[in-house]
Amino acid sequence: MVVACVGVFLILLGAATGWLPGPGGIPLVLAGLAVLASEFAWAHRLLKRARIAVRRFTHWAARQPLWLRLTGSGAAIACALGGAWLFLVVVGPPAVLPAEAVAFLGRIPGVDP
């Protein structure tokens, strides 16, 4: 029962944090699936399929030309930075940050400390 609760909690946490910038969604969902796979056969099969899909994508990406990989990486970094900026514009800097960090973030256009 504990394994099921922890696994489902990690999957729900991954779903809830997937839209936030930073590592959240997919790694947490996979961690929850790995926890569930230790006890449930259906989760083990699903985790195996996910591993195969990641391996296929990795091999596909490795075969692409360097310019395309760099362009994709640049686009991913731009999306992550844009998401972080949008988060700071909408929500503002987190209250738990030290004053120096809030002052630094306040210099970013559109972010009000």
Protein backbone atom coordinates (compact mmCIF):
# COMPACT_ATOMS: atom_id res chain seq x y z
CA MET A 1 0.00 0.00 0.00
CA VAL A 2 2.86 2.38 0.83
CA VAL A 3 4.54 1.72 -2.52
CA ALA A 4 1.30 2.46 -4.37
CA CYS A 5 0.75 5.69 -2.43
CA VAL A 6 4.31 6.93 -2.97
CA GLY A 7 4.23 6.05 -6.67
CA VAL A 8 0.89 7.75 -7.27
CA PHE A 9 2.03 10.78 -5.23
CA LEU A 10 5.15 11.16 -7.40
CA ILE A 11 3.12 10.85 -10.60
CA LEU A 12 0.60 13.46 -9.42
CA LEU A 13 3.41 15.74 -8.27
CA GLY A 14 5.02 15.39 -11.69
CA ALA A 15 1.74 16.26 -13.38
CA ALA A 16 1.27 19.27 -11.09
CA THR A 17 4.81 20.63 -11.56
CA GLY A 18 5.26 19.80 -15.22
CA TRP A 19 4.38 23.31 -16.38
CA LEU A 20 6.87 24.98 -14.03
CA PRO A 21 10.37 25.80 -15.22
CA GLY A 22 13.05 23.40 -14.11
CA PRO A 23 13.10 19.68 -13.60
CA GLY A 24 9.70 18.56 -12.56
CA GLY A 25 7.17 16.81 -14.71
CA ILE A 26 8.69 13.99 -16.70
CA PRO A 27 11.43 12.94 -14.23
CA LEU A 28 8.92 12.81 -11.36
CA VAL A 29 6.41 10.82 -13.41
CA LEU A 30 9.12 8.35 -14.40
CA ALA A 31 10.27 8.10 -10.77
CA GLY A 32 6.70 7.39 -9.68
CA LEU A 33 6.37 4.79 -12.39
CA ALA A 34 9.63 3.18 -11.27
CA VAL A 35 8.34 2.99 -7.69
CA LEU A 36 5.10 1.40 -8.89
CA ALA A 37 7.03 -0.99 -11.15
CA SER A 38 8.66 -2.52 -8.08
CA GLU A 39 5.29 -4.00 -7.09
CA PHE A 40 2.96 -3.94 -10.12
CA ALA A 41 3.44 -5.79 -13.41
CA TRP A 42 1.43 -3.24 -15.44
CA ALA A 43 3.72 -0.44 -14.25
CA HIS A 44 6.79 -2.54 -15.07
CA ARG A 45 5.53 -3.03 -18.63
CA LEU A 46 4.77 0.68 -18.98
CA LEU A 47 8.20 1.65 -17.63
CA LYS A 48 9.83 -0.77 -20.07
CA ARG A 49 7.95 0.87 -22.96
CA ALA A 50 9.04 4.32 -21.75
CA ARG A 51 12.68 3.21 -21.61
CA ILE A 52 12.45 1.84 -25.15
CA ALA A 53 10.92 5.11 -26.37
CA VAL A 54 13.67 7.16 -24.72
CA ARG A 55 16.35 4.89 -26.20
CA ARG A 56 14.81 5.21 -29.69
CA PHE A 57 14.63 8.98 -29.39
CA THR A 58 18.23 9.15 -28.17
CA HIS A 59 19.45 7.10 -31.11
CA TRP A 60 17.36 9.17 -33.53
CA ALA A 61 18.70 12.43 -32.11
CA ALA A 62 22.30 11.17 -32.32
CA ARG A 63 21.87 10.53 -36.06
CA GLN A 64 20.77 14.12 -36.77
CA PRO A 65 23.22 16.68 -38.14
CA LEU A 66 25.06 18.83 -35.62
CA TRP A 67 23.35 22.05 -36.74
CA LEU A 68 19.91 20.52 -36.11
CA ARG A 69 20.89 19.24 -32.66
CA LEU A 70 22.29 22.66 -31.73
CA THR A 71 19.17 24.40 -33.04
CA GLY A 72 16.93 22.06 -31.04
CA SER A 73 19.02 22.56 -27.92
CA GLY A 74 18.92 26.33 -28.37
CA ALA A 75 15.15 26.25 -28.82
CA ALA A 76 14.75 24.13 -25.67
CA ILE A 77 16.93 26.52 -23.65
CA ALA A 78 15.01 29.52 -25.02
CA CYS A 79 11.71 27.90 -24.04
CA ALA A 80 12.98 27.14 -20.54
CA LEU A 81 14.28 30.68 -20.04
CA GLY A 82 11.07 32.13 -21.47
CA GLY A 83 9.00 29.99 -19.12
CA ALA A 84 11.10 31.05 -16.14
CA TRP A 85 10.75 34.71 -17.14
CA LEU A 86 6.98 34.36 -17.59
CA PHE A 87 6.71 32.68 -14.20
CA LEU A 88 8.61 35.55 -12.56
CA VAL A 89 6.49 38.16 -14.36
CA VAL A 90 3.19 36.55 -13.35
CA VAL A 91 4.03 35.30 -9.84
CA GLY A 92 7.04 37.40 -8.91
CA PRO A 93 10.18 36.21 -7.15
CA PRO A 94 9.54 33.59 -4.44
CA ALA A 95 9.43 35.01 -0.92
CA VAL A 96 11.94 32.45 0.35
CA LEU A 97 14.78 33.93 -1.69
CA PRO A 98 17.40 36.11 0.00
CA ALA A 99 17.16 39.86 -0.52
CA GLU A 100 20.19 39.86 -2.84
CA ALA A 101 18.55 37.32 -5.15
CA VAL A 102 15.27 39.26 -5.18
CA ALA A 103 17.20 42.46 -6.00
CA PHE A 104 19.00 40.66 -8.85
CA LEU A 105 15.71 39.30 -10.23
CA GLY A 106 14.20 42.78 -9.93
CA ARG A 107 16.65 44.00 -12.59
CA ILE A 108 15.06 41.67 -15.16
CA PRO A 109 12.61 43.61 -17.36
CA GLY A 110 8.99 43.03 -16.34
CA VAL A 111 9.80 41.40 -12.98
CA ASP A 112 8.60 43.35 -9.94
CA PRO A 113 10.25 42.31 -6.66
